[in-house]
Amino acid sequence: MIRRLWLVVIGLGLVAGLVLAVLVAGWFIPTALEEERTFIVPQGASLTSVAHKLEDEGFITSADRFLVGAKVLGGKAPIMAGEYLLPVPASGNQILSTLQSGDVLRRFVTIPEGMPSIMVHERLMAEPLLKGDAPVPPEGSVLPESYDFERGETRAAVLGRMQDAMKRTLAELWKARSKNIAVKTPGEAVILASIVEKETGVPSERRMVAGLYSNRVKQGMLLQADPTIIYPITKGKPLGRRIRQSEIAAVNDYNTYTMTGLPKGPITNPGRESIAAVLNPAETRALYMVADGKGGHIFAETLADHNANVEKWFAIRRSRGEM
């Protein structure tokens, strides 16, 4: 009787061992997926619901076998909510490890230097993987940069990170500012930097342009920056035509052709380098600049020299058939 009982126990053990061996083998054998695909773990989802979701979406062949493997052979870490890019091929073990890692798929939205806030808002609203609304941010409150986000994250949350980045950057650069600069507050630095950002697309010129406008601010001269004429008309978007004489003569809080000093606010979202240029401008006596026909500018200290440079620019434009 005892011998028969032992035979039964041994038999059951062999069966259990065989089942476990099959389970172990199956747990580490990759599935037949042919290409990488994303999988979303909903917030608050249980392992059971995720297993059935994996089966429904074709990542695994059996939710029940996956659950047994996860409970017997898987790690103890919980699965984390988010969007994942599952590897191909992927075994049950690899899938569970990926979902436990929290290494969610990150996507990016890029704000170029000099993008005005109305266009920042449009870019956020056009991103289909974000949700919810977001206000048009105050001009100059967003730091141009690439920002990562998760599928389903709110637009307001992403915008908040953009604005926090600007606050941190401005505070850092303000602490390292040079002496005797033209601006008195971080807010004024952003205003002047926004003009620098719009006036030159050549990185090497930023400090020189900042030095020129700093000289004009200190001397109480009109800044005469064309982008400040355009901003009240388009809120920073391209004008798409030449500026009219009536717009040059317009009196408002932005037009630096009819007012001395800085505009009442920024005219775009300046990048880090333009802010740094304003806070550490080039030491120059230049007060004037005009396009050089190659994407940059020619600088001058006197009006006579500037007028001569303007004539050279007009000659270039005539040769191009622009005048």
Protein backbone atom coordinates (compact mmCIF):
# COMPACT_ATOMS: atom_id res chain seq x y z
CA MET A 1 0.00 0.00 0.00
CA ILE A 2 2.76 2.39 0.96
CA ARG A 3 4.70 1.43 -2.16
CA ARG A 4 1.64 2.14 -4.33
CA LEU A 5 1.17 5.51 -2.62
CA TRP A 6 4.78 6.44 -3.33
CA LEU A 7 4.32 5.48 -6.96
CA VAL A 8 1.32 7.81 -7.15
CA VAL A 9 3.26 10.63 -5.53
CA ILE A 10 6.20 10.08 -7.87
CA GLY A 11 3.86 9.99 -10.83
CA LEU A 12 2.19 13.21 -9.82
CA GLY A 13 5.60 14.77 -9.32
CA LEU A 14 6.69 13.72 -12.77
CA VAL A 15 3.51 15.14 -14.27
CA ALA A 16 3.94 18.39 -12.34
CA GLY A 17 7.56 18.57 -13.41
CA LEU A 18 6.62 17.97 -17.01
CA VAL A 19 3.93 20.67 -16.83
CA LEU A 20 6.41 23.07 -15.24
CA ALA A 21 9.01 22.24 -17.89
CA VAL A 22 6.51 22.92 -20.64
CA LEU A 23 5.48 26.16 -18.92
CA VAL A 24 9.08 27.28 -18.48
CA ALA A 25 9.87 26.54 -22.09
CA GLY A 26 6.78 28.35 -23.30
CA TRP A 27 7.42 31.34 -21.04
CA PHE A 28 10.78 31.98 -22.70
CA ILE A 29 9.83 31.15 -26.31
CA PRO A 30 9.19 34.27 -28.44
CA THR A 31 5.78 34.90 -29.96
CA ALA A 32 5.22 35.04 -33.70
CA LEU A 33 4.93 38.83 -33.95
CA GLU A 34 6.61 40.11 -37.11
CA GLU A 35 7.00 43.82 -36.33
CA GLU A 36 7.32 46.13 -33.36
CA ARG A 37 4.01 47.42 -32.07
CA THR A 38 2.94 49.68 -29.28
CA PHE A 39 0.88 48.44 -26.35
CA ILE A 40 -0.91 50.63 -23.82
CA VAL A 41 -1.32 49.68 -20.17
CA PRO A 42 -4.29 51.73 -18.91
CA GLN A 43 -3.98 53.59 -15.63
CA GLY A 44 -5.01 51.30 -12.76
CA ALA A 45 -5.18 48.17 -14.93
CA SER A 46 -4.69 44.78 -13.25
CA LEU A 47 -2.34 42.06 -14.48
CA THR A 48 -5.36 39.95 -15.44
CA SER A 49 -6.97 42.69 -17.53
CA VAL A 50 -3.62 43.44 -19.20
CA ALA A 51 -3.12 39.74 -20.02
CA HIS A 52 -6.51 39.59 -21.76
CA LYS A 53 -5.73 42.86 -23.57
CA LEU A 54 -2.43 41.35 -24.77
CA GLU A 55 -4.32 38.34 -26.10
CA ASP A 56 -7.04 40.44 -27.76
CA GLU A 57 -4.41 42.54 -29.54
CA GLY A 58 -2.43 39.52 -30.71
CA PHE A 59 0.69 39.92 -28.59
CA ILE A 60 0.22 36.53 -26.88
CA THR A 61 -1.79 33.42 -27.73
CA SER A 62 -3.23 32.72 -24.28
CA ALA A 63 -3.97 35.11 -21.44
CA ASP A 64 -4.34 32.20 -19.02
CA ARG A 65 -0.90 30.76 -19.81
CA PHE A 66 0.60 34.26 -19.58
CA LEU A 67 -0.93 34.77 -16.14
CA VAL A 68 0.35 31.43 -14.86
CA GLY A 69 3.81 32.18 -16.20
CA ALA A 70 3.76 35.69 -14.71
CA LYS A 71 2.72 34.43 -11.27
CA VAL A 72 5.07 31.43 -11.17
CA LEU A 73 8.11 32.70 -13.08
CA GLY A 74 7.68 36.47 -13.38
CA GLY A 75 9.19 39.11 -11.17
CA LYS A 76 7.33 40.61 -8.25
CA ALA A 77 7.40 44.19 -9.58
CA PRO A 78 4.01 45.63 -10.57
CA ILE A 79 3.18 46.53 -14.15
CA MET A 80 3.32 50.25 -14.88
CA ALA A 81 0.75 52.31 -16.81
CA GLY A 82 1.83 53.85 -20.10
CA GLU A 83 2.57 53.17 -23.75
CA TYR A 84 5.27 50.60 -24.53
CA LEU A 85 7.04 49.52 -27.70
CA LEU A 86 7.20 45.74 -27.34
CA PRO A 87 10.24 44.05 -28.89
CA VAL A 88 9.99 41.56 -31.74
CA PRO A 89 10.23 38.70 -31.22
CA ALA A 90 9.11 38.85 -27.59
CA SER A 91 8.54 36.02 -25.12
CA GLY A 92 6.04 36.18 -22.28
CA ASN A 93 8.95 36.87 -19.95
CA GLN A 94 10.20 39.77 -22.09
CA ILE A 95 6.73 41.27 -22.38
CA LEU A 96 6.16 41.16 -18.62
CA SER A 97 9.62 42.62 -17.92
CA THR A 98 8.96 45.46 -20.35
CA LEU A 99 5.61 46.29 -18.72
CA GLN A 100 7.22 46.21 -15.28
CA SER A 101 10.11 48.46 -16.32
CA GLY A 102 8.16 51.71 -16.62
CA ASP A 103 10.28 52.47 -19.70
CA VAL A 104 7.35 53.99 -21.52
CA LEU A 105 7.49 55.23 -25.10
CA ARG A 106 8.34 58.92 -25.17
CA ARG A 107 7.26 61.21 -28.00
CA PHE A 108 8.43 64.74 -28.72
CA VAL A 109 7.00 68.13 -29.60
CA THR A 110 9.54 70.73 -30.73
CA ILE A 111 9.24 74.48 -30.24
CA PRO A 112 11.78 76.26 -32.48
CA GLU A 113 13.57 79.38 -31.33
CA GLY A 114 11.48 82.44 -32.10
CA MET A 115 8.11 80.65 -32.31
CA PRO A 116 5.42 83.04 -31.02
CA SER A 117 2.97 81.83 -28.40
CA ILE A 118 -0.01 81.71 -30.74
CA MET A 119 1.88 79.17 -32.85
CA VAL A 120 3.04 77.24 -29.77
CA HIS A 121 -0.64 76.86 -28.91
CA GLU A 122 -1.46 75.72 -32.44
CA ARG A 123 1.33 73.14 -32.36
CA LEU A 124 0.13 71.69 -29.05
CA MET A 125 -3.48 71.57 -30.20
CA ALA A 126 -2.47 69.83 -33.44
CA GLU A 127 -0.68 66.99 -31.62
CA PRO A 128 -3.21 64.12 -31.77
CA LEU A 129 -1.60 62.05 -29.03
CA LEU A 130 -2.17 64.74 -26.41
CA LYS A 131 -5.52 65.43 -24.81
CA GLY A 132 -7.39 68.36 -23.30
CA ASP A 133 -7.12 72.06 -23.99
CA ALA A 134 -4.37 74.51 -23.18
CA PRO A 135 -4.44 78.30 -23.17
CA VAL A 136 -2.34 80.48 -25.44
CA PRO A 137 0.64 81.09 -23.14
CA PRO A 138 1.85 84.62 -22.39
CA GLU A 139 4.41 85.69 -24.98
CA GLY A 140 7.94 84.96 -23.87
CA SER A 141 6.92 82.42 -21.22
CA VAL A 142 7.91 79.28 -23.19
CA LEU A 143 11.50 78.09 -23.66
CA PRO A 144 12.05 76.86 -27.23
CA GLU A 145 13.21 73.26 -26.97
CA SER A 146 12.11 69.67 -27.70
CA TYR A 147 9.83 68.26 -25.00
CA ASP A 148 8.97 64.61 -24.51
CA PHE A 149 5.49 63.44 -23.60
CA GLU A 150 3.46 60.27 -23.19
CA ARG A 151 0.46 59.35 -25.28
CA GLY A 152 -2.66 60.66 -23.56
CA GLU A 153 -0.84 63.29 -21.48
CA THR A 154 -2.63 66.63 -21.21
CA ARG A 155 -1.59 69.58 -23.33
CA ALA A 156 -1.71 71.76 -20.22
CA ALA A 157 0.88 69.53 -18.52
CA VAL A 158 3.27 69.74 -21.48
CA LEU A 159 2.82 73.51 -21.67
CA GLY A 160 3.56 73.73 -17.96
CA ARG A 161 6.90 71.99 -18.47
CA MET A 162 7.75 74.43 -21.27
CA GLN A 163 7.05 77.38 -19.01
CA ASP A 164 8.90 75.86 -16.05
CA ALA A 165 11.92 75.38 -18.32
CA MET A 166 11.85 79.07 -19.23
CA LYS A 167 11.66 80.11 -15.57
CA ARG A 168 14.63 77.91 -14.65
CA THR A 169 16.72 79.02 -17.63
CA LEU A 170 16.01 82.70 -17.10
CA ALA A 171 16.88 82.46 -13.41
CA GLU A 172 20.14 80.68 -14.23
CA LEU A 173 21.18 83.17 -16.91
CA TRP A 174 20.16 86.19 -14.86
CA LYS A 175 22.52 85.14 -12.06
CA ALA A 176 25.40 85.02 -14.56
CA ARG A 177 24.61 88.39 -16.20
CA SER A 178 27.33 90.92 -16.98
CA LYS A 179 27.57 94.33 -15.32
CA ASN A 180 26.16 97.49 -16.88
CA ILE A 181 23.71 95.70 -19.16
CA ALA A 182 20.80 97.61 -20.68
CA VAL A 183 18.01 95.67 -18.97
CA LYS A 184 17.04 96.01 -15.33
CA THR A 185 14.89 92.93 -14.78
CA PRO A 186 14.59 89.36 -16.10
CA GLY A 187 11.35 90.40 -17.77
CA GLU A 188 13.12 93.15 -19.70
CA ALA A 189 15.80 90.64 -20.68
CA VAL A 190 13.16 88.42 -22.30
CA ILE A 191 11.67 91.42 -24.15
CA LEU A 192 15.01 92.50 -25.61
CA ALA A 193 15.99 88.88 -26.32
CA SER A 194 12.78 88.41 -28.30
CA ILE A 195 13.83 91.31 -30.57
CA VAL A 196 17.32 89.85 -30.97
CA GLU A 197 15.76 86.48 -31.81
CA LYS A 198 13.64 87.98 -34.56
CA GLU A 199 16.34 90.27 -35.96
CA THR A 200 18.97 87.66 -36.74
CA GLY A 201 18.99 84.02 -37.73
CA VAL A 202 22.78 83.83 -37.54
CA PRO A 203 23.87 82.42 -34.16
CA SER A 204 27.28 84.11 -34.29
CA GLU A 205 25.60 87.53 -34.60
CA ARG A 206 23.39 87.30 -31.53
CA ARG A 207 25.77 89.00 -29.10
CA MET A 208 26.58 91.73 -31.63
CA VAL A 209 22.90 92.44 -32.30
CA ALA A 210 22.28 92.41 -28.54
CA GLY A 211 25.14 94.88 -28.09
CA LEU A 212 23.73 97.19 -30.76
CA TYR A 213 20.25 97.28 -29.24
CA SER A 214 21.69 97.61 -25.75
CA ASN A 215 23.54 100.73 -26.93
CA ARG A 216 20.32 102.18 -28.32
CA VAL A 217 18.42 101.47 -25.10
CA LYS A 218 21.11 103.13 -23.01
CA GLN A 219 21.21 106.19 -25.27
CA GLY A 220 17.45 106.58 -25.40
CA MET A 221 17.34 106.00 -29.15
CA LEU A 222 14.47 104.49 -31.09
CA LEU A 223 15.17 100.76 -31.47
CA GLN A 224 13.56 100.73 -34.93
CA ALA A 225 13.18 96.95 -35.01
CA ASP A 226 10.87 95.88 -37.85
CA PRO A 227 9.50 92.80 -35.99
CA THR A 228 7.99 95.13 -33.37
CA ILE A 229 5.87 96.69 -36.12
CA ILE A 230 4.58 93.30 -37.22
CA TYR A 231 3.76 91.84 -33.81
CA PRO A 232 0.59 93.87 -33.08
CA ILE A 233 -0.70 92.94 -36.54
CA THR A 234 -0.08 89.19 -36.60
CA LYS A 235 0.79 88.28 -32.98
CA GLY A 236 4.15 87.11 -34.23
CA LYS A 237 3.14 85.15 -37.31
CA PRO A 238 4.78 86.04 -40.65
CA LEU A 239 3.29 89.14 -42.24
CA GLY A 240 3.52 87.70 -45.73
CA ARG A 241 4.06 91.07 -47.38
CA ARG A 242 6.08 94.24 -47.03
CA ILE A 243 5.43 96.57 -44.12
CA ARG A 244 3.29 99.57 -45.08
CA GLN A 245 4.23 103.14 -44.30
CA SER A 246 1.06 103.49 -42.23
CA GLU A 247 2.20 100.54 -40.09
CA ILE A 248 5.66 102.04 -39.60
CA ALA A 249 3.98 105.25 -38.35
CA ALA A 250 1.47 103.42 -36.12
CA VAL A 251 1.59 104.41 -32.45
CA ASN A 252 1.14 101.51 -30.05
CA ASP A 253 2.91 99.75 -27.18
CA TYR A 254 5.10 97.64 -29.47
CA ASN A 255 6.18 99.75 -32.44
CA THR A 256 9.75 100.81 -31.73
CA TYR A 257 9.70 103.22 -34.68
CA THR A 258 7.33 105.52 -32.78
CA MET A 259 8.43 104.92 -29.18
CA THR A 260 11.69 104.90 -27.28
CA GLY A 261 12.66 102.09 -24.96
CA LEU A 262 11.43 98.51 -24.95
CA PRO A 263 8.01 97.32 -26.10
CA LYS A 264 5.53 96.51 -23.35
CA GLY A 265 6.17 92.80 -23.75
CA PRO A 266 8.07 90.15 -25.74
CA ILE A 267 7.28 89.71 -29.42
CA THR A 268 8.11 85.98 -29.47
CA ASN A 269 9.56 83.20 -27.33
CA PRO A 270 13.35 83.73 -27.41
CA GLY A 271 15.76 80.84 -27.12
CA ARG A 272 18.38 80.38 -24.45
CA GLU A 273 21.18 81.79 -26.61
CA SER A 274 19.34 85.03 -27.38
CA ILE A 275 18.64 85.58 -23.68
CA ALA A 276 22.28 84.85 -22.87
CA ALA A 277 23.36 87.35 -25.57
CA VAL A 278 21.27 90.13 -24.01
CA LEU A 279 22.71 89.38 -20.58
CA ASN A 280 26.28 89.27 -21.95
CA PRO A 281 26.26 91.44 -25.07
CA ALA A 282 29.23 92.14 -27.28
CA GLU A 283 31.27 95.20 -26.36
CA THR A 284 30.61 97.37 -29.38
CA ARG A 285 29.84 100.98 -30.31
CA ALA A 286 27.60 99.90 -33.18
CA LEU A 287 24.22 101.62 -33.42
CA TYR A 288 23.11 100.57 -36.90
CA MET A 289 22.87 97.41 -38.98
CA VAL A 290 21.61 96.41 -42.39
CA ALA A 291 21.41 93.10 -44.25
CA ASP A 292 24.57 92.03 -46.06
CA GLY A 293 22.83 89.90 -48.69
CA LYS A 294 24.27 86.66 -47.29
CA GLY A 295 21.89 86.09 -44.39
CA GLY A 296 23.76 88.26 -41.91
CA HIS A 297 24.25 91.96 -41.24
CA ILE A 298 26.78 94.76 -41.63
CA PHE A 299 27.16 96.91 -38.52
CA ALA A 300 28.04 100.59 -38.30
CA GLU A 301 28.80 103.10 -35.57
CA THR A 302 27.77 106.23 -37.48
CA LEU A 303 24.76 107.15 -39.56
CA ALA A 304 27.00 108.08 -42.51
CA ASP A 305 28.59 104.63 -42.55
CA HIS A 306 25.17 103.05 -42.15
CA ASN A 307 23.75 104.97 -45.10
CA ALA A 308 26.66 103.76 -47.23
CA ASN A 309 25.93 100.19 -46.16
CA VAL A 310 22.26 100.67 -47.01
CA GLU A 311 23.20 101.77 -50.52
CA LYS A 312 25.24 98.59 -50.94
CA TRP A 313 22.23 96.54 -49.79
CA PHE A 314 19.95 98.35 -52.22
CA ALA A 315 22.39 97.60 -55.03
CA ILE A 316 22.28 93.91 -54.13
CA ARG A 317 18.49 93.94 -54.14
CA ARG A 318 18.40 95.71 -57.51
CA SER A 319 20.73 93.09 -58.95
CA ARG A 320 18.28 90.44 -57.76
CA GLY A 321 15.33 92.20 -59.31
CA GLU A 322 13.78 92.92 -55.92
CA MET A 323 13.67 96.70 -56.46
